[in-house]
Amino acid sequence: MSTDSLPTPTQPTWTVVIAAEESFQAQAQSWARQLEARWEASFAQIEWSDIRTPDDLIHGDTVVLFGPQDQLTLTAEQIREQGRSVTLIDANSDLTSPAQLQIRLEALLEQEDEIRQLRKDEAYACTQFPALQDADDLRRELEAAASFQEDLLPIFPVKSGDLVVHGLWRPSRYLAGDLLRVEPAADGGLVILLCDVMGHGIPAAIGSALLTQSFDHARECSGADPALILERMNRDVHRAQQRQGTRAWFASAICAHVAPSGTITVASAGHPQSLVLNQDPEDALTIAASGPLLGIDNASEYQASTHQLPEGGKLILHSDGFESLNPGRNSAQTNVRSALAKIGSTTDAAGLIDQLELHRSTILGRTGQTDDLSLLCLERCQEHEQTTALRLVS
């Protein structure tokens, strides 16, 4: 007869070791038989040992000693020192039946189960400690890098004559691929830039750092001309990709020069269009400016568009991350434009940033931020009207 189909006996989970003084042997054997009858074979097995050899008692999960307590106390302590639980049963024991002993042993074995799991967790933690230490070191390094990246941002508000700029910059992770710059122009106006490196995290932040240096170099060579600034930045990005081992990366960007008279000159490299807001939200308009992403082609050229910013008007540059904040029936850009126009018509530049931050916290507090968010809002207002616009932004 083949034995291939015979079931494999189930090994018991626990081992209970019992030892008894000679005068307690009959009681111990009787109680042991009743325990075996109450327990399934897969739960526990009972093994017998000699009470005079404590080293043989500790191979089980818990130990039961039958005999006078004054004679077995030392043996019990030796067993406990080896990490085993011990139950003493003598003539004056509180345990007066096999059923009571069963309850106690099952409670001890349940505790032992928790101890086993803790030991496994401890062993696993020991194996993972180097990785956890590395992760903690990486977290601290990322926090330091994030603090450094934030220090590179403009200190808002930035003011030049009748022009005031406020900004919002919120990375989706520790580091961001979005770049904000606001710099003075030779004519007394301002040059503002918003870049969005494709991707997230460390790779995007590295690209953002290169664009920071590239923007400074481009302004030195091209002055305040947004189209020429983007052309030089494009060549820098394209040249960086030619270095051996450098992965291909691209960035969208929008650059604007706003003269003291309110004349806006804007050039774009694959970026969402800039928005001009007036007192009436229905009068909001976009400045048409388009061009290829930075890094696509070394010979890319960019065309600038001009517009007049009226007194009290606002110029807004924003990243495409805002499209996830304003879902609706229309296109994403149309929804963003409508939302910004509605907010901007009732408050100043600082208030607009406050409202956007509140909106961001309300929406993303439930869904989580999946993209970097950045925005620049330039407002044109008279010197005596800037007390409100210059309040601190939370």
Protein backbone atom coordinates (compact mmCIF):
# COMPACT_ATOMS: atom_id res chain seq x y z
CA MET A 1 0.00 0.00 0.00
CA SER A 2 1.37 3.41 -0.97
CA THR A 3 1.92 5.94 1.81
CA ASP A 4 2.14 8.95 -0.53
CA SER A 5 -1.45 9.98 0.19
CA LEU A 6 -1.22 9.69 3.97
CA PRO A 7 -1.62 13.08 5.71
CA THR A 8 1.44 14.53 7.38
CA PRO A 9 0.98 14.71 11.17
CA THR A 10 0.53 18.27 12.40
CA GLN A 11 3.28 19.40 14.72
CA PRO A 12 2.02 20.94 17.97
CA THR A 13 2.56 24.65 18.41
CA TRP A 14 3.52 24.47 22.07
CA THR A 15 5.35 22.11 24.43
CA VAL A 16 4.37 21.91 28.12
CA VAL A 17 6.97 20.23 30.33
CA ILE A 18 5.68 18.58 33.53
CA ALA A 19 7.79 17.30 36.43
CA ALA A 20 6.59 16.04 39.81
CA GLU A 21 7.91 14.95 43.17
CA GLU A 22 7.20 11.29 43.88
CA SER A 23 4.30 12.00 46.24
CA PHE A 24 2.62 14.15 43.53
CA GLN A 25 3.13 11.76 40.61
CA ALA A 26 -0.41 10.39 40.60
CA GLN A 27 -1.99 13.86 40.61
CA ALA A 28 0.37 15.10 37.90
CA GLN A 29 -0.35 12.13 35.62
CA SER A 30 -4.10 12.45 36.10
CA TRP A 31 -4.10 16.18 35.33
CA ALA A 32 -1.81 15.68 32.33
CA ARG A 33 -4.17 13.10 30.80
CA GLN A 34 -7.10 15.49 31.18
CA LEU A 35 -5.13 18.34 29.58
CA GLU A 36 -4.21 16.14 26.63
CA ALA A 37 -7.88 15.25 26.22
CA ARG A 38 -8.87 18.93 26.25
CA TRP A 39 -6.20 20.14 23.80
CA GLU A 40 -6.04 19.42 20.11
CA ALA A 41 -2.89 17.69 18.95
CA SER A 42 -1.94 20.76 16.91
CA PHE A 43 -2.13 23.05 19.94
CA ALA A 44 0.18 21.54 22.55
CA GLN A 45 1.99 18.40 23.61
CA ILE A 46 3.02 17.33 27.11
CA GLU A 47 6.50 16.05 27.87
CA TRP A 48 7.73 14.61 31.15
CA SER A 49 11.02 15.46 32.80
CA ASP A 50 12.94 14.81 36.00
CA ILE A 51 12.44 17.49 38.60
CA ARG A 52 16.03 17.04 39.79
CA THR A 53 17.56 18.10 36.45
CA PRO A 54 16.48 21.74 35.83
CA ASP A 55 18.46 21.94 32.58
CA ASP A 56 16.13 19.33 31.06
CA LEU A 57 13.06 21.34 32.02
CA ILE A 58 13.75 24.40 29.89
CA HIS A 59 13.40 22.81 26.44
CA GLY A 60 9.64 23.42 26.56
CA ASP A 61 7.64 26.64 26.28
CA THR A 62 6.29 26.55 29.84
CA VAL A 63 6.91 24.32 32.87
CA VAL A 64 4.55 22.84 35.48
CA LEU A 65 6.09 21.58 38.75
CA PHE A 66 4.12 19.39 41.16
CA GLY A 67 5.50 19.27 44.70
CA PRO A 68 6.04 21.19 47.95
CA GLN A 69 6.59 24.86 47.18
CA ASP A 70 9.39 25.32 49.72
CA GLN A 71 11.38 22.57 48.00
CA LEU A 72 10.77 23.74 44.43
CA THR A 73 11.19 27.53 44.75
CA LEU A 74 14.90 27.44 43.87
CA THR A 75 14.28 25.18 40.87
CA ALA A 76 11.50 27.48 39.66
CA GLU A 77 13.79 30.53 39.89
CA GLN A 78 16.49 28.76 37.87
CA ILE A 79 13.94 27.98 35.16
CA ARG A 80 12.63 31.58 35.07
CA GLU A 81 16.19 32.85 34.68
CA GLN A 82 16.28 30.87 31.42
CA GLY A 83 13.23 32.76 30.10
CA ARG A 84 10.57 30.15 30.80
CA SER A 85 7.34 30.59 32.74
CA VAL A 86 6.74 28.23 35.69
CA THR A 87 3.57 27.08 37.46
CA LEU A 88 3.95 25.55 40.94
CA ILE A 89 1.26 23.19 42.24
CA ASP A 90 1.31 21.89 45.81
CA ALA A 91 -1.26 20.96 48.43
CA ASN A 92 -2.05 24.63 49.09
CA SER A 93 -2.09 25.82 45.47
CA ASP A 94 -4.84 28.11 44.20
CA LEU A 95 -5.14 25.80 41.19
CA THR A 96 -7.37 22.98 42.36
CA SER A 97 -8.43 21.35 39.09
CA PRO A 98 -7.13 20.50 35.61
CA ALA A 99 -9.57 23.05 34.15
CA GLN A 100 -8.01 25.86 36.19
CA LEU A 101 -4.53 24.72 35.17
CA GLN A 102 -5.64 24.70 31.54
CA ILE A 103 -6.80 28.32 31.76
CA ARG A 104 -3.52 29.40 33.33
CA LEU A 105 -1.34 27.55 30.82
CA GLU A 106 -3.26 28.90 27.84
CA ALA A 107 -2.87 32.43 29.19
CA LEU A 108 0.88 31.89 29.63
CA LEU A 109 1.20 30.44 26.14
CA GLU A 110 -0.68 33.42 24.70
CA GLN A 111 1.88 35.69 26.35
CA GLU A 112 4.63 33.48 24.98
CA ASP A 113 3.15 33.92 21.51
CA GLU A 114 3.45 37.69 21.89
CA ILE A 115 7.02 37.28 23.16
CA ARG A 116 7.87 35.16 20.12
CA GLN A 117 6.54 37.85 17.81
CA LEU A 118 8.49 40.53 19.66
CA ARG A 119 11.65 38.47 19.30
CA LYS A 120 11.00 38.12 15.57
CA ASP A 121 10.38 41.85 15.29
CA GLU A 122 13.56 42.58 17.22
CA ALA A 123 15.58 40.26 15.01
CA TYR A 124 14.10 41.84 11.88
CA ALA A 125 14.75 45.34 13.21
CA CYS A 126 18.37 44.40 13.85
CA THR A 127 18.76 43.29 10.24
CA GLN A 128 17.09 46.47 8.99
CA PHE A 129 18.90 48.90 11.29
CA PRO A 130 21.64 49.81 8.78
CA ALA A 131 18.99 50.55 6.13
CA LEU A 132 16.91 52.53 8.62
CA GLN A 133 19.99 54.48 9.65
CA ASP A 134 20.75 55.24 6.01
CA ALA A 135 17.14 56.33 5.45
CA ASP A 136 17.31 58.63 8.47
CA ASP A 137 20.56 60.15 7.22
CA LEU A 138 19.00 60.65 3.79
CA ARG A 139 15.95 62.32 5.34
CA ARG A 140 18.17 64.79 7.21
CA GLU A 141 20.14 65.51 4.04
CA LEU A 142 16.93 66.10 2.09
CA GLU A 143 15.63 68.44 4.79
CA ALA A 144 18.89 70.40 4.65
CA ALA A 145 18.71 70.56 0.84
CA ALA A 146 15.07 71.67 0.99
CA SER A 147 15.97 74.43 3.44
CA PHE A 148 18.79 75.58 1.14
CA GLN A 149 16.47 75.54 -1.89
CA GLU A 150 13.89 77.61 -0.02
CA ASP A 151 16.59 80.12 0.95
CA LEU A 152 17.16 80.75 -2.78
CA LEU A 153 13.58 81.99 -3.21
CA PRO A 154 12.85 85.72 -3.39
CA ILE A 155 11.95 87.31 -0.07
CA PHE A 156 8.37 88.38 -0.70
CA PRO A 157 7.06 90.97 -1.19
CA VAL A 158 9.51 92.31 -3.79
CA LYS A 159 8.94 96.01 -4.57
CA SER A 160 10.15 98.36 -7.26
CA GLY A 161 8.36 101.70 -7.61
CA ASP A 162 4.69 101.03 -8.31
CA LEU A 163 5.31 97.29 -8.81
CA VAL A 164 4.85 94.74 -6.02
CA VAL A 165 5.33 90.96 -6.33
CA HIS A 166 4.07 88.20 -4.04
CA GLY A 167 4.69 84.50 -4.58
CA LEU A 168 3.65 80.98 -3.62
CA TRP A 169 6.03 77.99 -3.74
CA ARG A 170 4.98 74.59 -2.43
CA PRO A 171 6.94 71.44 -3.42
CA SER A 172 5.13 68.11 -3.61
CA ARG A 173 8.11 66.41 -1.90
CA TYR A 174 11.15 67.59 0.03
CA LEU A 175 12.62 69.19 -3.08
CA ALA A 176 10.95 70.96 -5.98
CA GLY A 177 11.64 71.33 -9.68
CA ASP A 178 9.89 74.72 -9.75
CA LEU A 179 11.98 77.88 -9.80
CA LEU A 180 10.86 81.42 -8.93
CA ARG A 181 13.00 84.50 -9.59
CA VAL A 182 12.25 88.21 -9.25
CA GLU A 183 15.09 90.58 -10.15
CA PRO A 184 15.36 94.36 -10.70
CA ALA A 185 15.75 95.65 -14.24
CA ALA A 186 17.99 98.53 -15.28
CA ASP A 187 14.96 100.68 -16.22
CA GLY A 188 13.50 100.48 -12.70
CA GLY A 189 11.10 97.68 -13.56
CA LEU A 190 11.27 93.98 -12.69
CA VAL A 191 12.22 90.77 -14.49
CA ILE A 192 10.28 87.76 -13.23
CA LEU A 193 10.80 84.10 -14.11
CA LEU A 194 8.94 80.88 -13.38
CA CYS A 195 10.42 77.53 -14.48
CA ASP A 196 9.05 74.01 -14.07
CA VAL A 197 11.49 71.14 -14.58
CA MET A 198 9.80 67.97 -15.78
CA GLY A 199 9.62 65.34 -13.03
CA HIS A 200 9.75 65.58 -9.26
CA GLY A 201 12.14 65.25 -6.34
CA ILE A 202 15.92 65.22 -6.52
CA PRO A 203 16.38 65.02 -10.34
CA ALA A 204 14.02 67.96 -10.87
CA ALA A 205 15.71 69.94 -8.08
CA ILE A 206 19.11 69.44 -9.75
CA GLY A 207 17.67 70.84 -12.98
CA SER A 208 16.22 73.76 -11.03
CA ALA A 209 19.65 74.54 -9.58
CA LEU A 210 21.17 74.63 -13.08
CA LEU A 211 18.39 76.97 -14.28
CA THR A 212 19.07 79.32 -11.37
CA GLN A 213 22.67 79.76 -12.49
CA SER A 214 21.63 79.92 -16.14
CA PHE A 215 19.11 82.71 -15.47
CA ASP A 216 21.74 84.86 -13.76
CA HIS A 217 24.12 84.35 -16.67
CA ALA A 218 21.39 85.10 -19.23
CA ARG A 219 20.42 88.36 -17.52
CA GLU A 220 24.03 89.52 -17.54
CA CYS A 221 24.23 88.89 -21.29
CA SER A 222 20.70 89.77 -22.42
CA GLY A 223 19.53 92.42 -19.98
CA ALA A 224 15.76 92.39 -19.47
CA ASP A 225 14.70 90.89 -22.82
CA PRO A 226 12.61 87.77 -21.93
CA ALA A 227 13.01 86.15 -25.37
CA LEU A 228 16.81 86.43 -25.32
CA ILE A 229 16.93 85.24 -21.70
CA LEU A 230 15.02 82.06 -22.62
CA GLU A 231 17.20 81.47 -25.68
CA ARG A 232 20.37 81.56 -23.59
CA MET A 233 18.82 79.35 -20.89
CA ASN A 234 17.74 76.88 -23.58
CA ARG A 235 21.31 76.62 -24.86
CA ASP A 236 22.58 76.02 -21.32
CA VAL A 237 20.07 73.21 -20.75
CA HIS A 238 20.82 71.63 -24.12
CA ARG A 239 24.57 71.82 -23.48
CA ALA A 240 24.14 70.21 -20.05
CA GLN A 241 22.43 67.22 -21.67
CA GLN A 242 25.40 66.58 -23.93
CA ARG A 243 27.66 65.75 -21.01
CA GLN A 244 28.47 62.06 -20.78
CA GLY A 245 26.13 60.17 -18.46
CA THR A 246 23.58 62.99 -18.17
CA ARG A 247 19.98 61.93 -18.69
CA ALA A 248 17.74 63.96 -20.98
CA TRP A 249 15.63 66.49 -19.13
CA PHE A 250 13.50 69.44 -20.16
CA ALA A 251 11.80 72.39 -18.52
CA SER A 252 9.00 74.78 -19.24
CA ALA A 253 9.57 78.44 -18.44
CA ILE A 254 7.93 81.83 -18.69
CA CYS A 255 9.79 85.10 -18.34
CA ALA A 256 8.38 88.62 -18.18
CA HIS A 257 9.79 92.12 -17.98
CA VAL A 258 7.47 94.72 -16.49
CA ALA A 259 8.55 98.32 -17.02
CA PRO A 260 7.72 101.09 -14.51
CA SER A 261 5.09 102.33 -16.99
CA GLY A 262 3.29 98.97 -16.79
CA THR A 263 4.40 97.66 -20.20
CA ILE A 264 4.64 93.86 -20.03
CA THR A 265 6.93 91.86 -22.32
CA VAL A 266 6.47 88.09 -22.03
CA ALA A 267 8.18 85.06 -23.62
CA SER A 268 7.28 81.44 -22.96
CA ALA A 269 8.96 78.05 -23.37
CA GLY A 270 6.11 75.56 -23.35
CA HIS A 271 4.63 77.09 -20.20
CA PRO A 272 0.99 77.87 -19.28
CA GLN A 273 0.14 81.36 -20.51
CA SER A 274 0.43 84.36 -18.23
CA LEU A 275 -2.75 85.99 -17.00
CA VAL A 276 -3.63 89.69 -16.69
CA LEU A 277 -6.36 90.53 -14.16
CA ASN A 278 -8.39 93.72 -13.81
CA GLN A 279 -11.10 94.69 -11.34
CA ASP A 280 -13.71 92.86 -13.42
CA PRO A 281 -13.10 89.06 -13.54
CA GLU A 282 -14.79 88.97 -16.95
CA ASP A 283 -12.00 91.17 -18.33
CA ALA A 284 -9.24 88.66 -17.47
CA LEU A 285 -7.08 87.82 -20.45
CA THR A 286 -4.05 85.76 -21.34
CA ILE A 287 -0.96 87.04 -23.12
CA ALA A 288 -0.33 84.81 -26.11
CA ALA A 289 3.30 83.66 -26.01
CA SER A 290 4.59 80.23 -26.94
CA GLY A 291 7.81 78.42 -27.73
CA PRO A 292 9.46 74.99 -27.36
CA LEU A 293 10.51 73.56 -24.00
CA LEU A 294 13.99 74.40 -22.78
CA GLY A 295 16.47 71.73 -23.86
CA ILE A 296 14.61 70.41 -26.92
CA ASP A 297 16.70 72.10 -29.62
CA ASN A 298 19.85 74.13 -29.20
CA ALA A 299 18.73 76.54 -31.95
CA SER A 300 15.24 77.25 -30.58
CA GLU A 301 14.08 80.85 -30.82
CA TYR A 302 11.44 82.55 -28.69
CA GLN A 303 9.08 85.38 -29.59
CA ALA A 304 7.97 87.98 -27.06
CA SER A 305 4.49 89.48 -26.73
CA THR A 306 3.64 92.82 -25.14
CA HIS A 307 0.68 94.13 -23.19
CA GLN A 308 -0.13 97.09 -20.98
CA LEU A 309 -0.78 96.45 -17.29
CA PRO A 310 -3.32 99.02 -16.04
CA GLU A 311 -3.25 100.71 -12.65
CA GLY A 312 -4.46 98.18 -10.07
CA GLY A 313 -3.96 95.32 -12.53
CA LYS A 314 -2.18 92.06 -11.78
CA LEU A 315 0.10 89.84 -13.84
CA ILE A 316 0.09 86.17 -12.82
CA LEU A 317 2.56 83.47 -13.79
CA HIS A 318 1.74 79.99 -12.50
CA SER A 319 2.88 76.38 -12.86
CA ASP A 320 0.67 73.67 -14.32
CA GLY A 321 0.34 72.14 -10.84
CA PHE A 322 -2.64 74.45 -10.25
CA GLU A 323 -4.63 72.57 -12.86
CA SER A 324 -5.19 69.72 -10.38
CA LEU A 325 -6.66 72.19 -7.86
CA ASN A 326 -9.39 73.46 -10.14
CA PRO A 327 -11.25 70.60 -11.83
CA GLY A 328 -14.27 71.54 -13.90
CA ARG A 329 -16.14 71.04 -17.14
CA ASN A 330 -13.88 73.27 -19.22
CA SER A 331 -10.21 72.80 -20.07
CA ALA A 332 -7.75 72.78 -17.17
CA GLN A 333 -6.22 76.12 -18.16
CA THR A 334 -9.64 77.73 -18.52
CA ASN A 335 -10.63 76.50 -15.06
CA VAL A 336 -7.43 77.90 -13.54
CA ARG A 337 -7.90 81.24 -15.29
CA SER A 338 -11.51 81.52 -14.06
CA ALA A 339 -10.56 80.65 -10.49
CA LEU A 340 -7.66 83.11 -10.37
CA ALA A 341 -9.75 85.86 -11.97
CA LYS A 342 -12.52 85.39 -9.42
CA ILE A 343 -10.11 85.58 -6.47
CA GLY A 344 -7.95 88.36 -7.90
CA SER A 345 -10.89 90.68 -8.58
CA THR A 346 -11.72 90.95 -4.87
CA THR A 347 -8.31 91.23 -3.22
CA ASP A 348 -4.75 92.44 -3.70
CA ALA A 349 -1.68 90.35 -4.58
CA ALA A 350 -1.00 89.33 -0.99
CA GLY A 351 -4.64 88.40 -0.44
CA LEU A 352 -4.63 86.31 -3.60
CA ILE A 353 -1.69 84.28 -2.28
CA ASP A 354 -3.48 83.86 1.06
CA GLN A 355 -6.62 82.59 -0.67
CA LEU A 356 -4.66 80.18 -2.86
CA GLU A 357 -2.83 78.78 0.16
CA LEU A 358 -6.13 78.27 1.96
CA HIS A 359 -7.60 76.63 -1.12
CA ARG A 360 -4.54 74.39 -1.45
CA SER A 361 -4.71 73.27 2.17
CA THR A 362 -8.44 72.60 1.96
CA ILE A 363 -8.30 70.56 -1.25
CA LEU A 364 -4.97 68.81 -0.83
CA GLY A 365 -5.53 68.11 2.84
CA ARG A 366 -7.88 65.41 1.60
CA THR A 367 -6.26 64.27 -1.63
CA GLY A 368 -2.54 64.91 -1.21
CA GLN A 369 -0.34 67.15 -3.37
CA THR A 370 0.99 65.31 -6.42
CA ASP A 371 2.72 68.19 -8.23
CA ASP A 372 4.84 71.19 -7.32
CA LEU A 373 2.88 74.44 -7.03
CA SER A 374 4.38 77.83 -7.78
CA LEU A 375 2.92 81.21 -8.66
CA LEU A 376 4.04 84.82 -8.99
CA CYS A 377 1.57 87.69 -8.76
CA LEU A 378 2.81 91.15 -9.78
CA GLU A 379 0.52 94.05 -8.95
CA ARG A 380 0.78 97.63 -10.20
CA CYS A 381 -0.42 100.18 -7.67
CA GLN A 382 0.53 103.66 -6.49
CA GLU A 383 2.99 104.13 -3.64
CA HIS A 384 0.31 105.31 -1.20
CA GLU A 385 -1.82 102.21 -1.97
CA GLN A 386 0.88 99.67 -1.15
CA THR A 387 0.33 99.48 2.58
CA THR A 388 -2.26 96.76 2.05
CA ALA A 389 -0.37 94.98 -0.71
CA LEU A 390 2.79 94.80 1.39
CA ARG A 391 1.32 92.95 4.37
CA LEU A 392 3.04 89.70 5.25
CA VAL A 393 1.75 86.56 3.58
CA SER A 394 1.13 83.50 5.74
